C-alpha atoms as a PDB file:
ATOM      1  CA  MET A   1     124.034  34.080 130.159  1.00  0.00           C
ATOM      2  CA  THR A   2     122.596  34.180 133.669  1.00  0.00           C
ATOM      3  CA  LEU A   3     119.272  32.318 133.759  1.00  0.00           C
ATOM      4  CA  ILE A   4     116.842  32.882 136.645  1.00  0.00           C
ATOM      5  CA  LEU A   5     113.597  31.045 137.412  1.00  0.00           C
ATOM      6  CA  ASN A   6     110.802  33.177 138.845  1.00  0.00           C
ATOM      7  CA  THR A   7     108.663  31.173 141.269  1.00  0.00           C
ATOM      8  CA  TRP A   8     105.480  31.943 139.283  1.00  0.00           C
ATOM      9  CA  ILE A   9     106.736  29.017 137.195  1.00  0.00           C
ATOM     10  CA  PHE A  10     105.793  26.746 140.111  1.00  0.00           C
ATOM     11  CA  GLU A  11     102.344  28.269 140.653  1.00  0.00           C
ATOM     12  CA  THR A  12     100.623  24.866 140.974  1.00  0.00           C
ATOM     13  CA  ALA A  13     103.062  23.684 143.639  1.00  0.00           C
ATOM     14  CA  VAL A  14     102.755  26.962 145.547  1.00  0.00           C
ATOM     15  CA  LYS A  15      98.959  26.718 145.513  1.00  0.00           C
ATOM     16  CA  THR A  16      99.160  23.233 147.010  1.00  0.00           C
ATOM     17  CA  GLY A  17     101.386  24.365 149.866  1.00  0.00           C
ATOM     18  CA  THR A  18     104.990  24.224 148.655  1.00  0.00           C
ATOM     19  CA  GLY A  19     107.042  27.039 150.192  1.00  0.00           C
ATOM     20  CA  GLN A  20     109.524  29.110 148.246  1.00  0.00           C
ATOM     21  CA  ALA A  21     112.386  27.894 150.423  1.00  0.00           C
ATOM     22  CA  GLU A  22     111.657  24.363 149.172  1.00  0.00           C
ATOM     23  CA  LEU A  23     111.690  25.653 145.602  1.00  0.00           C
ATOM     24  CA  VAL A  24     115.291  26.825 145.988  1.00  0.00           C
ATOM     25  CA  ASP A  25     116.506  23.223 145.825  1.00  0.00           C
ATOM     26  CA  ARG A  26     114.232  22.469 142.871  1.00  0.00           C
ATOM     27  CA  VAL A  27     115.582  25.453 140.959  1.00  0.00           C
ATOM     28  CA  ALA A  28     119.125  24.286 141.650  1.00  0.00           C
ATOM     29  CA  SER A  29     118.314  20.762 140.432  1.00  0.00           C
ATOM     30  CA  LEU A  30     116.964  22.210 137.185  1.00  0.00           C
ATOM     31  CA  GLY A  31     120.325  23.838 136.523  1.00  0.00           C
ATOM     32  CA  ALA A  32     119.316  27.502 136.748  1.00  0.00           C
ATOM     33  CA  ASP A  33     121.689  30.180 138.020  1.00  0.00           C
ATOM     34  CA  GLY A  34     119.212  31.712 140.416  1.00  0.00           C
ATOM     35  CA  ILE A  35     115.711  32.020 141.807  1.00  0.00           C
ATOM     36  CA  GLU A  36     113.396  35.024 141.889  1.00  0.00           C
ATOM     37  CA  VAL A  37     111.060  34.818 144.866  1.00  0.00           C
ATOM     38  CA  ARG A  38     107.744  36.642 144.996  1.00  0.00           C
ATOM     39  CA  ARG A  39     106.703  38.464 148.155  1.00  0.00           C
ATOM     40  CA  GLU A  40     103.036  37.538 147.736  1.00  0.00           C
ATOM     41  CA  TYR A  41     103.960  33.839 147.865  1.00  0.00           C
ATOM     42  CA  PHE A  42     105.337  33.973 151.404  1.00  0.00           C
ATOM     43  CA  LYS A  43     102.920  32.718 154.052  1.00  0.00           C
ATOM     44  CA  ASP A  44     105.279  33.190 157.020  1.00  0.00           C
ATOM     45  CA  PRO A  45     108.005  35.605 155.872  1.00  0.00           C
ATOM     46  CA  ALA A  46     109.870  35.640 159.214  1.00  0.00           C
ATOM     47  CA  MET A  47     110.374  31.883 159.018  1.00  0.00           C
ATOM     48  CA  GLU A  48     110.676  31.392 155.262  1.00  0.00           C
ATOM     49  CA  MET A  49     112.960  34.241 154.224  1.00  0.00           C
ATOM     50  CA  PRO A  50     115.994  33.206 156.290  1.00  0.00           C
ATOM     51  CA  GLU A  51     115.554  29.664 154.985  1.00  0.00           C
ATOM     52  CA  VAL A  52     115.528  30.934 151.392  1.00  0.00           C
ATOM     53  CA  GLY A  53     118.802  32.706 152.118  1.00  0.00           C
ATOM     54  CA  ARG A  54     120.393  29.648 153.740  1.00  0.00           C
ATOM     55  CA  ARG A  55     119.389  27.243 150.989  1.00  0.00           C
ATOM     56  CA  ALA A  56     120.367  29.598 148.184  1.00  0.00           C
ATOM     57  CA  LYS A  57     123.794  30.158 149.716  1.00  0.00           C
ATOM     58  CA  LYS A  58     124.278  26.406 150.089  1.00  0.00           C
ATOM     59  CA  GLN A  59     123.259  25.820 146.461  1.00  0.00           C
ATOM     60  CA  GLY A  60     125.273  28.770 145.145  1.00  0.00           C
ATOM     61  CA  LEU A  61     122.174  30.413 143.658  1.00  0.00           C
ATOM     62  CA  ILE A  62     121.482  34.079 142.961  1.00  0.00           C
ATOM     63  CA  VAL A  63     118.358  35.353 144.738  1.00  0.00           C
ATOM     64  CA  ASN A  64     116.225  38.128 143.248  1.00  0.00           C
ATOM     65  CA  TYR A  65     113.119  39.543 144.932  1.00  0.00           C
ATOM     66  CA  SER A  66     109.846  40.584 143.287  1.00  0.00           C
ATOM     67  CA  VAL A  67     107.761  42.953 145.403  1.00  0.00           C
ATOM     68  CA  PRO A  68     104.261  43.902 144.149  1.00  0.00           C
ATOM     69  CA  ASP A  69     104.378  47.451 145.465  1.00  0.00           C
ATOM     70  CA  ASP A  70     105.116  50.931 144.124  1.00  0.00           C
ATOM     71  CA  VAL A  71     108.207  53.050 144.640  1.00  0.00           C
ATOM     72  CA  PHE A  72     106.081  56.216 144.664  1.00  0.00           C
ATOM     73  CA  LEU A  73     102.674  56.495 146.333  1.00  0.00           C
ATOM     74  CA  ALA A  74      99.684  58.355 144.873  1.00  0.00           C
ATOM     75  CA  SER A  75     100.716  61.364 147.000  1.00  0.00           C
ATOM     76  CA  GLY A  76     104.107  61.390 145.270  1.00  0.00           C
ATOM     77  CA  GLU A  77     105.845  60.344 148.480  1.00  0.00           C
ATOM     78  CA  ARG A  78     108.565  57.724 148.221  1.00  0.00           C
ATOM     79  CA  ASN A  79     107.061  54.551 149.656  1.00  0.00           C
ATOM     80  CA  PRO A  80     108.138  54.308 153.336  1.00  0.00           C
ATOM     81  CA  LYS A  81     107.855  50.494 153.147  1.00  0.00           C
ATOM     82  CA  LEU A  82     110.976  50.310 150.969  1.00  0.00           C
ATOM     83  CA  GLU A  83     113.154  50.081 154.087  1.00  0.00           C
ATOM     84  CA  GLN A  84     111.233  46.993 155.214  1.00  0.00           C
ATOM     85  CA  TYR A  85     111.466  45.380 151.786  1.00  0.00           C
ATOM     86  CA  PHE A  86     115.211  45.979 151.619  1.00  0.00           C
ATOM     87  CA  GLN A  87     115.640  44.464 155.081  1.00  0.00           C
ATOM     88  CA  GLU A  88     113.775  41.383 153.901  1.00  0.00           C
ATOM     89  CA  ALA A  89     116.011  41.293 150.837  1.00  0.00           C
ATOM     90  CA  MET A  90     119.138  41.424 152.989  1.00  0.00           C
ATOM     91  CA  VAL A  91     117.919  38.441 155.031  1.00  0.00           C
ATOM     92  CA  MET A  92     117.675  36.433 151.797  1.00  0.00           C
ATOM     93  CA  GLY A  93     120.963  37.623 150.315  1.00  0.00           C
ATOM     94  CA  VAL A  94     119.160  39.275 147.400  1.00  0.00           C
ATOM     95  CA  SER A  95     121.056  40.761 144.430  1.00  0.00           C
ATOM     96  CA  LYS A  96     118.167  42.589 142.744  1.00  0.00           C
ATOM     97  CA  ILE A  97     114.865  43.837 144.151  1.00  0.00           C
ATOM     98  CA  LYS A  98     112.016  44.771 141.827  1.00  0.00           C
ATOM     99  CA  PHE A  99     109.081  47.173 142.250  1.00  0.00           C
ATOM    100  CA  ASN A 100     106.599  49.102 140.127  1.00  0.00           C
ATOM    101  CA  THR A 101     107.296  52.792 139.555  1.00  0.00           C
ATOM    102  CA  GLY A 102     103.989  54.145 140.816  1.00  0.00           C
ATOM    103  CA  HIS A 103     103.254  57.891 140.802  1.00  0.00           C
ATOM    104  CA  PHE A 104     106.610  59.445 140.047  1.00  0.00           C
ATOM    105  CA  ASP A 105     104.608  62.109 138.190  1.00  0.00           C
ATOM    106  CA  HIS A 106     103.447  63.380 141.611  1.00  0.00           C
ATOM    107  CA  PHE A 107     106.924  63.403 143.181  1.00  0.00           C
ATOM    108  CA  ARG A 108     108.208  66.885 144.048  1.00  0.00           C
ATOM    109  CA  GLY A 109     111.228  66.169 146.257  1.00  0.00           C
ATOM    110  CA  ASP A 110     114.927  65.542 145.763  1.00  0.00           C
ATOM    111  CA  LEU A 111     115.586  62.067 144.382  1.00  0.00           C
ATOM    112  CA  ARG A 112     118.940  61.612 146.083  1.00  0.00           C
ATOM    113  CA  ASP A 113     117.379  62.495 149.442  1.00  0.00           C
ATOM    114  CA  ALA A 114     114.420  60.192 148.780  1.00  0.00           C
ATOM    115  CA  PHE A 115     116.648  57.146 148.377  1.00  0.00           C
ATOM    116  CA  GLU A 116     119.150  58.049 151.079  1.00  0.00           C
ATOM    117  CA  GLY A 117     119.748  55.234 153.541  1.00  0.00           C
ATOM    118  CA  LEU A 118     118.724  52.338 151.292  1.00  0.00           C
ATOM    119  CA  PRO A 119     121.503  49.764 150.724  1.00  0.00           C
ATOM    120  CA  LEU A 120     121.678  50.434 146.987  1.00  0.00           C
ATOM    121  CA  GLU A 121     125.370  49.590 146.827  1.00  0.00           C
ATOM    122  CA  THR A 122     124.524  46.046 147.922  1.00  0.00           C
ATOM    123  CA  ILE A 123     121.089  45.463 146.398  1.00  0.00           C
ATOM    124  CA  GLU A 124     120.156  46.839 142.988  1.00  0.00           C
ATOM    125  CA  LEU A 125     116.728  48.487 142.817  1.00  0.00           C
ATOM    126  CA  ASN A 126     114.817  47.994 139.578  1.00  0.00           C
ATOM    127  CA  VAL A 127     111.380  49.016 138.354  1.00  0.00           C
ATOM    128  CA  GLU A 128     109.338  46.929 135.942  1.00  0.00           C
ATOM    129  CA  ASN A 129     106.639  47.633 133.408  1.00  0.00           C
ATOM    130  CA  ASP A 130     103.566  46.006 134.941  1.00  0.00           C
ATOM    131  CA  GLN A 131     100.048  45.599 133.533  1.00  0.00           C
ATOM    132  CA  THR A 132      98.648  48.914 134.853  1.00  0.00           C
ATOM    133  CA  ALA A 133      98.298  52.334 133.248  1.00  0.00           C
ATOM    134  CA  VAL A 134     100.306  53.923 136.068  1.00  0.00           C
ATOM    135  CA  SER A 135     103.381  51.677 135.934  1.00  0.00           C
ATOM    136  CA  GLY A 136     103.073  49.860 132.633  1.00  0.00           C
ATOM    137  CA  ASN A 137     103.793  52.558 130.059  1.00  0.00           C
ATOM    138  CA  ALA A 138     107.243  53.221 128.658  1.00  0.00           C
ATOM    139  CA  ALA A 139     107.242  57.031 128.797  1.00  0.00           C
ATOM    140  CA  PRO A 140     106.822  57.499 132.591  1.00  0.00           C
ATOM    141  CA  ILE A 141     109.280  54.663 133.306  1.00  0.00           C
ATOM    142  CA  LYS A 142     111.859  56.338 131.072  1.00  0.00           C
ATOM    143  CA  ARG A 143     111.159  59.698 132.725  1.00  0.00           C
ATOM    144  CA  PHE A 144     111.843  58.263 136.179  1.00  0.00           C
ATOM    145  CA  LEU A 145     114.990  56.390 135.184  1.00  0.00           C
ATOM    146  CA  SER A 146     116.352  59.368 133.280  1.00  0.00           C
ATOM    147  CA  SER A 147     115.750  61.606 136.317  1.00  0.00           C
ATOM    148  CA  ALA A 148     117.413  59.052 138.604  1.00  0.00           C
ATOM    149  CA  ASN A 149     120.393  58.862 136.285  1.00  0.00           C
ATOM    150  CA  GLN A 150     120.722  62.652 136.217  1.00  0.00           C
ATOM    151  CA  ALA A 151     120.578  62.659 140.020  1.00  0.00           C
ATOM    152  CA  GLY A 152     123.506  60.238 140.131  1.00  0.00           C
ATOM    153  CA  LEU A 153     121.398  57.268 141.238  1.00  0.00           C
ATOM    154  CA  THR A 154     123.038  54.860 138.848  1.00  0.00           C
ATOM    155  CA  GLN A 155     122.106  51.906 141.094  1.00  0.00           C
ATOM    156  CA  LEU A 156     118.486  52.262 139.932  1.00  0.00           C
ATOM    157  CA  GLY A 157     117.621  50.256 136.852  1.00  0.00           C
ATOM    158  CA  TYR A 158     114.867  48.611 134.871  1.00  0.00           C
ATOM    159  CA  VAL A 159     113.333  45.156 134.347  1.00  0.00           C
ATOM    160  CA  TYR A 160     111.998  44.715 130.825  1.00  0.00           C
ATOM    161  CA  ASP A 161     108.923  42.441 130.979  1.00  0.00           C
ATOM    162  CA  LEU A 162     107.959  41.319 127.484  1.00  0.00           C
ATOM    163  CA  GLY A 163     104.539  39.821 128.147  1.00  0.00           C
ATOM    164  CA  ASN A 164     103.188  42.800 130.080  1.00  0.00           C
ATOM    165  CA  TRP A 165     103.335  45.215 127.137  1.00  0.00           C
ATOM    166  CA  ALA A 166     100.289  43.547 125.599  1.00  0.00           C
ATOM    167  CA  PHE A 167      98.158  44.579 128.569  1.00  0.00           C
ATOM    168  CA  THR A 168      99.055  48.287 128.294  1.00  0.00           C
ATOM    169  CA  HIS A 169      99.076  48.355 124.474  1.00  0.00           C
ATOM    170  CA  ASN A 170     102.646  49.625 124.224  1.00  0.00           C
ATOM    171  CA  ASP A 171     104.880  48.652 121.320  1.00  0.00           C
ATOM    172  CA  ALA A 172     107.162  45.994 122.832  1.00  0.00           C
ATOM    173  CA  ARG A 173     109.978  46.483 120.324  1.00  0.00           C
ATOM    174  CA  GLN A 174     109.977  50.282 120.482  1.00  0.00           C
ATOM    175  CA  SER A 175     109.820  50.142 124.275  1.00  0.00           C
ATOM    176  CA  ALA A 176     112.818  47.813 124.280  1.00  0.00           C
ATOM    177  CA  ARG A 177     114.792  50.298 122.202  1.00  0.00           C
ATOM    178  CA  GLU A 178     113.828  53.247 124.388  1.00  0.00           C
ATOM    179  CA  LEU A 179     114.502  51.512 127.690  1.00  0.00           C
ATOM    180  CA  ALA A 180     117.541  49.466 126.668  1.00  0.00           C
ATOM    181  CA  PRO A 181     120.023  51.961 128.217  1.00  0.00           C
ATOM    182  CA  TYR A 182     118.442  51.363 131.643  1.00  0.00           C
ATOM    183  CA  THR A 183     117.759  47.623 131.341  1.00  0.00           C
ATOM    184  CA  ARG A 184     119.513  45.505 133.989  1.00  0.00           C
ATOM    185  CA  TYR A 185     117.242  42.452 133.934  1.00  0.00           C
ATOM    186  CA  ILE A 186     114.700  40.826 131.600  1.00  0.00           C
ATOM    187  CA  HIS A 187     111.494  38.950 132.427  1.00  0.00           C
ATOM    188  CA  LEU A 188     110.653  36.705 129.517  1.00  0.00           C
ATOM    189  CA  LYS A 189     107.176  35.421 128.775  1.00  0.00           C
ATOM    190  CA  ASN A 190     104.826  35.494 125.809  1.00  0.00           C
ATOM    191  CA  THR A 191     101.164  36.531 125.643  1.00  0.00           C
ATOM    192  CA  ILE A 192      98.301  34.931 123.743  1.00  0.00           C
ATOM    193  CA  ASP A 193      95.518  37.126 122.377  1.00  0.00           C
ATOM    194  CA  ASP A 194      92.422  34.900 122.367  1.00  0.00           C
ATOM    195  CA  HIS A 195      89.892  37.098 120.568  1.00  0.00           C
ATOM    196  CA  GLY A 196      90.669  40.053 122.780  1.00  0.00           C
ATOM    197  CA  THR A 197      91.298  38.091 125.970  1.00  0.00           C
ATOM    198  CA  LEU A 198      94.973  38.235 126.931  1.00  0.00           C
ATOM    199  CA  VAL A 199      96.533  35.264 128.714  1.00  0.00           C
ATOM    200  CA  THR A 200     100.125  34.377 129.538  1.00  0.00           C
ATOM    201  CA  SER A 201     101.490  31.596 127.360  1.00  0.00           C
ATOM    202  CA  ALA A 202     103.186  28.466 128.720  1.00  0.00           C
ATOM    203  CA  ASP A 203     105.669  28.451 125.834  1.00  0.00           C
ATOM    204  CA  LEU A 204     108.016  31.206 124.647  1.00  0.00           C
ATOM    205  CA  ASN A 205     107.318  30.337 121.014  1.00  0.00           C
ATOM    206  CA  THR A 206     103.525  30.586 121.370  1.00  0.00           C
ATOM    207  CA  GLY A 207     102.034  34.053 121.457  1.00  0.00           C
ATOM    208  CA  ILE A 208     101.936  37.448 119.819  1.00  0.00           C
ATOM    209  CA  TYR A 209     105.636  38.256 120.286  1.00  0.00           C
ATOM    210  CA  ASN A 210     108.749  37.132 118.478  1.00  0.00           C
ATOM    211  CA  TRP A 211     110.785  37.021 121.673  1.00  0.00           C
ATOM    212  CA  GLN A 212     114.040  36.325 119.858  1.00  0.00           C
ATOM    213  CA  GLU A 213     113.637  39.453 117.756  1.00  0.00           C
ATOM    214  CA  ILE A 214     112.773  41.507 120.852  1.00  0.00           C
ATOM    215  CA  LEU A 215     115.991  40.374 122.566  1.00  0.00           C
ATOM    216  CA  ASP A 216     117.966  41.840 119.655  1.00  0.00           C
ATOM    217  CA  ASN A 217     116.871  45.273 120.910  1.00  0.00           C
ATOM    218  CA  LEU A 218     117.983  44.711 124.516  1.00  0.00           C
ATOM    219  CA  PRO A 219     121.386  44.428 126.220  1.00  0.00           C
ATOM    220  CA  ALA A 220     122.928  41.005 125.608  1.00  0.00           C
ATOM    221  CA  ARG A 221     124.647  40.491 128.963  1.00  0.00           C
ATOM    222  CA  VAL A 222     121.879  41.079 131.500  1.00  0.00           C
ATOM    223  CA  PRO A 223     120.243  38.250 133.494  1.00  0.00           C
ATOM    224  CA  ILE A 224     117.047  36.773 132.051  1.00  0.00           C
ATOM    225  CA  ALA A 225     114.251  35.226 134.107  1.00  0.00           C
ATOM    226  CA  LEU A 226     111.633  32.867 132.761  1.00  0.00           C
ATOM    227  CA  GLU A 227     108.360  34.001 134.342  1.00  0.00           C
ATOM    228  CA  PHE A 228     105.293  32.002 133.383  1.00  0.00           C
ATOM    229  CA  PRO A 229     103.561  28.961 134.890  1.00  0.00           C
ATOM    230  CA  MET A 230     104.689  25.576 133.622  1.00  0.00           C
ATOM    231  CA  SER A 231     103.288  22.133 134.375  1.00  0.00           C
ATOM    232  CA  SER A 232     106.394  19.964 134.758  1.00  0.00           C
ATOM    233  CA  ASP A 233     110.148  19.993 135.227  1.00  0.00           C
ATOM    234  CA  SER A 234     110.592  18.560 131.736  1.00  0.00           C
ATOM    235  CA  GLN A 235     108.704  21.544 130.300  1.00  0.00           C
ATOM    236  CA  ILE A 236     110.800  23.948 132.375  1.00  0.00           C
ATOM    237  CA  LYS A 237     114.012  22.339 131.124  1.00  0.00           C
ATOM    238  CA  ALA A 238     112.777  22.535 127.521  1.00  0.00           C
ATOM    239  CA  GLN A 239     112.094  26.266 127.862  1.00  0.00           C
ATOM    240  CA  MET A 240     115.458  26.808 129.555  1.00  0.00           C
ATOM    241  CA  ASN A 241     117.169  24.977 126.705  1.00  0.00           C
ATOM    242  CA  LEU A 242     115.259  27.056 124.147  1.00  0.00           C
ATOM    243  CA  LEU A 243     116.480  30.270 125.762  1.00  0.00           C
ATOM    244  CA  ARG A 244     120.043  29.069 126.183  1.00  0.00           C
ATOM    245  CA  ALA A 245     120.213  27.962 122.552  1.00  0.00           C
ATOM    246  CA  ARG A 246     119.210  31.473 121.498  1.00  0.00           C
ATOM    247  CA  MET A 247     121.597  33.262 123.836  1.00  0.00           C
ATOM    248  CA  GLU A 248     124.606  30.981 123.389  1.00  0.00           C
ATOM    249  CA  GLY A 249     124.171  30.067 119.747  1.00  0.00           C
END
């Protein structure tokens, strides 16, 4: 199993000024296979991104890139910023880049033409179910990925995010079954329902989902990222061990 640590895990350190390049070494020391950096955490991308790439290469870590933007704008146009995001990804040596789907329902062009020129052979493009009505429901995500597949864009895939389904009231298990054929990556976190208020849990085993049962409905050999804030390295290691025990047991 390939285990990735998303830098949301280190939210407290980031808020107190730790850069994501510094977190590369911390992720390596924890024994993970890779780091997923978040675009919104960069304060000086031009300086930090090359350093992320250098440190990750030195440590032998995979780098994935989370970008909080849509593939398709409200107009239906393919987001023209994708070229910039892919260039940033290339600087960091990224393997997978992740977006939200956005308004594919408004897209009227040719999909192959829309993605022409992006380095999809080098960097895999994935979309994730987020916490919004536009990009967080299974049906439109499946519609986009099915259309991409039919257009021959097999480099486009899907990130299954367990915790986010609670916010859009989708059935997490059914969504896993429906989207399993497109799933290239998994974001694992649990969600607590505190009398109608949804919050992300700091422990995989605490929350509304049986994460182990959910994984039975998803591909077994795709990378998995832990993606929820944790307070200490000992807690991170405990959660990593919990996941590894499930996947390697």
